Amino acid sequence: MKRIILLITLCFIANKAIAQRGPGNPKIKALKIAFITEKLNLNENEAEKFWPLYNRYEKEKFNLLKREKNEIRRKVKASGGIESISDNDAEKYLAIFQEIRKAQYDNKIGFHNNLISFLPAKKILLLEIAEHEFNRNLMEKWKKRRKNMNNFRNNRRQ
């Protein structure tokens, strides 16, 4: 019975997360939610507290990456590449880069500090491992899919 309630709760949370139309592909986000929930073995109470915090953390992480892209990468590229920017601009971009990296670090530390109030430290470490494992699996699937598409294209040409 507890498993059924947990699965219903997880489906509700996953739908809510997808409905927010946050960053990323909704299908991948749903897979990630299921993967992390399974790896952490979250109970209903933990899941209710965990997912809103996680979604906020991920949104901030996405916003910081977007800021880095907009304030550094695009401007450097528009200037003709790293070789074309002045030393003053390079120093300015480096300062922004360091500020963003510090904000990313602070975001993760704040997230962990919020989690520790209701999750054991072991589950927080498992979260870090699960995220890494999910991303690695996703990249492997993407590479395999890309290789299959390339093989398909090459076979069609012959």
Protein backbone atom coordinates (compact mmCIF):
# COMPACT_ATOMS: atom_id res chain seq x y z
CA MET A 1 0.00 0.00 0.00
CA LYS A 2 2.83 2.39 0.86
CA ARG A 3 4.45 1.69 -2.52
CA ILE A 4 1.23 2.55 -4.35
CA ILE A 5 0.87 5.81 -2.44
CA LEU A 6 4.53 6.61 -3.11
CA LEU A 7 4.16 5.93 -6.84
CA ILE A 8 1.03 8.09 -7.04
CA THR A 9 2.84 10.87 -5.18
CA LEU A 10 5.84 10.57 -7.49
CA CYS A 11 3.64 10.71 -10.58
CA PHE A 12 1.97 13.83 -9.22
CA ILE A 13 5.32 15.45 -8.46
CA ALA A 14 6.71 14.48 -11.87
CA ASN A 15 3.66 15.92 -13.62
CA LYS A 16 3.93 19.11 -11.60
CA ALA A 17 7.63 19.41 -12.47
CA ILE A 18 6.95 18.83 -16.16
CA ALA A 19 3.99 21.20 -16.16
CA GLN A 20 6.22 24.00 -14.91
CA ARG A 21 7.98 23.84 -18.27
CA GLY A 22 11.31 24.38 -16.67
CA PRO A 23 14.63 23.84 -18.34
CA GLY A 24 15.24 20.67 -20.24
CA ASN A 25 13.31 18.03 -22.08
CA PRO A 26 10.19 16.91 -20.14
CA LYS A 27 10.79 13.24 -21.03
CA ILE A 28 14.35 13.38 -19.74
CA LYS A 29 13.22 15.24 -16.65
CA ALA A 30 10.61 12.54 -15.91
CA LEU A 31 13.24 9.82 -16.39
CA LYS A 32 15.60 11.67 -14.08
CA ILE A 33 12.92 11.99 -11.40
CA ALA A 34 12.20 8.27 -11.55
CA PHE A 35 15.92 7.38 -11.58
CA ILE A 36 16.79 9.57 -8.59
CA THR A 37 13.73 8.48 -6.61
CA GLU A 38 14.64 4.84 -7.14
CA LYS A 39 18.32 5.32 -6.30
CA LEU A 40 17.59 7.33 -3.15
CA ASN A 41 14.69 5.11 -2.11
CA LEU A 42 12.74 8.18 -0.99
CA ASN A 43 9.70 7.59 1.16
CA GLU A 44 6.56 9.66 0.65
CA ASN A 45 7.47 12.24 3.29
CA GLU A 46 11.01 12.64 1.95
CA ALA A 47 9.79 12.94 -1.64
CA GLU A 48 7.30 15.68 -0.73
CA LYS A 49 10.09 17.77 0.78
CA PHE A 50 12.85 16.78 -1.64
CA TRP A 51 11.36 17.53 -5.07
CA PRO A 52 10.40 21.19 -4.56
CA LEU A 53 13.92 21.88 -3.23
CA TYR A 54 15.52 19.91 -6.06
CA ASN A 55 13.45 21.72 -8.69
CA ARG A 56 14.45 25.10 -7.24
CA TYR A 57 18.11 24.02 -7.16
CA GLU A 58 17.99 22.80 -10.77
CA LYS A 59 16.26 25.99 -11.95
CA GLU A 60 18.94 28.15 -10.32
CA LYS A 61 21.66 25.91 -11.78
CA PHE A 62 20.11 26.33 -15.24
CA ASN A 63 19.83 30.11 -14.81
CA LEU A 64 23.51 30.35 -13.85
CA LEU A 65 24.57 28.31 -16.89
CA LYS A 66 22.36 30.52 -19.07
CA ARG A 67 23.95 33.62 -17.54
CA GLU A 68 27.43 32.25 -18.27
CA LYS A 69 26.44 31.58 -21.86
CA ASN A 70 24.90 35.03 -22.34
CA GLU A 71 27.47 37.12 -20.48
CA ILE A 72 30.65 35.36 -21.51
CA ARG A 73 30.50 32.78 -24.28
CA ARG A 74 28.28 34.70 -26.70
CA LYS A 75 30.17 37.96 -26.20
CA VAL A 76 33.54 36.30 -26.72
CA LYS A 77 32.26 34.54 -29.83
CA ALA A 78 30.71 37.76 -31.16
CA SER A 79 34.05 39.51 -30.66
CA GLY A 80 35.74 36.98 -32.94
CA GLY A 81 36.92 34.46 -30.38
CA ILE A 82 39.25 34.46 -27.40
CA GLU A 83 42.18 35.63 -29.51
CA SER A 84 40.33 38.78 -30.55
CA ILE A 85 39.28 40.14 -27.15
CA SER A 86 41.32 42.71 -25.24
CA ASP A 87 43.01 42.00 -21.92
CA ASN A 88 40.51 44.32 -20.21
CA ASP A 89 37.59 42.36 -21.64
CA ALA A 90 39.27 39.08 -20.68
CA GLU A 91 39.63 40.30 -17.09
CA LYS A 92 36.00 41.40 -17.05
CA TYR A 93 34.82 38.03 -18.40
CA LEU A 94 37.04 36.17 -15.95
CA ALA A 95 35.53 38.11 -13.04
CA ILE A 96 32.02 37.25 -14.27
CA PHE A 97 33.05 33.62 -14.71
CA GLN A 98 34.39 33.45 -11.15
CA GLU A 99 31.25 35.12 -9.79
CA ILE A 100 29.05 32.58 -11.59
CA ARG A 101 31.16 29.63 -10.38
CA LYS A 102 30.89 30.92 -6.80
CA ALA A 103 27.12 31.26 -7.18
CA GLN A 104 26.95 27.69 -8.50
CA TYR A 105 28.93 26.47 -5.50
CA ASP A 106 26.74 28.46 -3.09
CA ASN A 107 23.62 27.07 -4.78
CA LYS A 108 24.81 23.48 -4.26
CA ILE A 109 25.89 24.09 -0.65
CA GLY A 110 22.57 25.76 0.16
CA PHE A 111 20.71 22.87 -1.45
CA HIS A 112 22.69 20.33 0.61
CA ASN A 113 22.11 22.34 3.79
CA ASN A 114 18.36 22.32 3.13
CA LEU A 115 18.38 18.58 2.47
CA ILE A 116 20.29 17.70 5.61
CA SER A 117 17.32 18.83 7.72
CA PHE A 118 15.26 15.82 6.57
CA LEU A 119 17.58 13.46 4.66
CA PRO A 120 20.53 11.54 6.04
CA ALA A 121 23.94 12.58 4.69
CA LYS A 122 24.27 9.17 3.06
CA LYS A 123 21.24 9.87 0.83
CA ILE A 124 22.68 13.26 -0.13
CA LEU A 125 25.88 11.54 -1.23
CA LEU A 126 23.78 8.97 -3.09
CA LEU A 127 22.06 11.87 -4.86
CA GLU A 128 25.40 13.15 -6.13
CA ILE A 129 26.29 9.66 -7.37
CA ALA A 130 22.83 9.14 -8.90
CA GLU A 131 22.98 12.45 -10.81
CA HIS A 132 26.40 11.57 -12.18
CA GLU A 133 25.25 8.07 -13.11
CA PHE A 134 22.09 9.40 -14.79
CA ASN A 135 24.07 11.92 -16.85
CA ARG A 136 26.64 9.28 -17.83
CA ASN A 137 23.88 6.86 -18.90
CA LEU A 138 22.15 9.61 -20.84
CA MET A 139 25.36 10.47 -22.69
CA GLU A 140 26.00 6.82 -23.50
CA LYS A 141 22.48 6.47 -24.93
CA TRP A 142 22.92 9.68 -26.91
CA LYS A 143 26.26 8.49 -28.33
CA LYS A 144 24.79 5.11 -29.24
CA ARG A 145 21.79 6.75 -30.89
CA ARG A 146 24.02 9.15 -32.79
CA LYS A 147 26.25 6.27 -33.95
CA ASN A 148 23.17 4.32 -35.13
CA MET A 149 21.93 7.37 -37.05
CA ASN A 150 25.33 7.80 -38.70
CA ASN A 151 25.39 4.10 -39.64
CA PHE A 152 21.88 4.42 -41.05
CA ARG A 153 22.87 7.45 -43.15
CA ASN A 154 26.01 5.73 -44.41
CA ASN A 155 24.05 2.61 -45.38
CA ARG A 156 21.49 4.71 -47.27
CA ARG A 157 24.25 6.39 -49.29
CA GLN A 158 25.69 3.08 -50.45
